[in-house]
Protein backbone atom coordinates (compact mmCIF):
# COMPACT_ATOMS: atom_id res chain seq x y z
CA UNK A 1 -47.51 -5.49 -19.84
CA UNK A 2 -49.87 -3.31 -21.75
CA UNK A 3 -49.20 -0.33 -19.60
CA UNK A 4 -45.38 -0.76 -20.29
CA UNK A 5 -45.99 -0.89 -24.06
CA UNK A 6 -48.35 2.22 -23.90
CA UNK A 7 -45.73 4.22 -21.97
CA UNK A 8 -42.91 3.13 -24.22
CA UNK A 9 -44.96 4.21 -27.31
CA UNK A 10 -45.89 7.63 -25.73
CA UNK A 11 -42.14 8.12 -24.92
CA UNK A 12 -41.15 7.46 -28.65
CA UNK A 13 -44.01 9.77 -29.83
CA UNK A 14 -42.62 12.31 -27.43
CA UNK A 15 -39.15 12.15 -28.62
CA UNK A 16 -40.47 12.39 -32.16
CA UNK A 17 -42.32 15.42 -31.30
CA UNK A 18 -39.43 17.07 -29.72
CA UNK A 19 -37.44 16.48 -32.79
CA UNK A 20 -40.11 17.82 -35.10
CA UNK A 21 -40.14 21.02 -32.98
CA UNK A 22 -36.55 21.48 -33.80
CA UNK A 23 -34.77 20.40 -30.59
CA UNK A 24 -31.36 19.02 -31.51
CA UNK A 25 -31.69 15.60 -30.04
CA UNK A 26 -28.45 13.89 -30.61
CA UNK A 27 -26.44 17.01 -31.35
CA UNK A 28 -26.02 18.52 -27.90
CA UNK A 29 -23.56 20.83 -26.90
CA UNK A 30 -20.62 18.58 -25.42
CA UNK A 31 -20.78 16.02 -28.21
CA UNK A 32 -17.40 15.54 -29.72
CA UNK A 33 -16.93 16.12 -33.40
CA UNK A 34 -13.63 16.06 -35.28
CA UNK A 35 -13.46 16.92 -38.98
CA UNK A 36 -10.09 16.65 -40.74
CA UNK A 37 -10.06 16.29 -44.50
CA UNK A 38 -12.16 13.10 -45.77
CA UNK A 39 -12.35 11.89 -42.07
CA UNK A 40 -15.11 12.80 -39.65
CA UNK A 41 -15.34 11.32 -36.20
CA UNK A 42 -18.52 11.84 -34.08
CA UNK A 43 -18.77 10.78 -30.27
CA UNK A 44 -22.06 11.69 -28.64
CA UNK A 45 -20.72 12.20 -25.09
CA UNK A 46 -23.47 14.66 -23.78
CA UNK A 47 -26.27 12.70 -25.41
CA UNK A 48 -25.03 9.56 -23.94
CA UNK A 49 -24.98 10.98 -20.48
CA UNK A 50 -28.49 12.65 -20.82
CA UNK A 51 -29.91 9.14 -22.07
CA UNK A 52 -28.28 7.52 -19.23
CA UNK A 53 -29.86 9.67 -16.63
CA UNK A 54 -33.19 9.42 -18.17
CA UNK A 55 -33.15 5.58 -18.43
CA UNK A 56 -31.93 5.42 -14.91
CA UNK A 57 -34.83 7.50 -13.72
CA UNK A 58 -37.21 5.42 -15.85
CA UNK A 59 -36.02 1.97 -14.62
CA UNK A 60 -35.95 3.38 -11.25
CA UNK A 61 -39.46 4.34 -11.45
CA UNK A 62 -40.66 1.07 -12.80
CA UNK A 63 -38.79 -0.80 -10.01
CA UNK A 64 -41.22 0.62 -7.46
């Protein structure tokens, strides 16, 4: 359990470092943005796909 918590903490720290370096995490090409007047709609399609792939790989790695 301790290793899992350390790995999760390192993952969160890594994502924070990437955001600090200026990588647009959460605003990837392929995300849908609609702005009309006072209305704006944001659907993170590409971000959702990338996160799904990463989580699938991480859980598959832990399953072994």
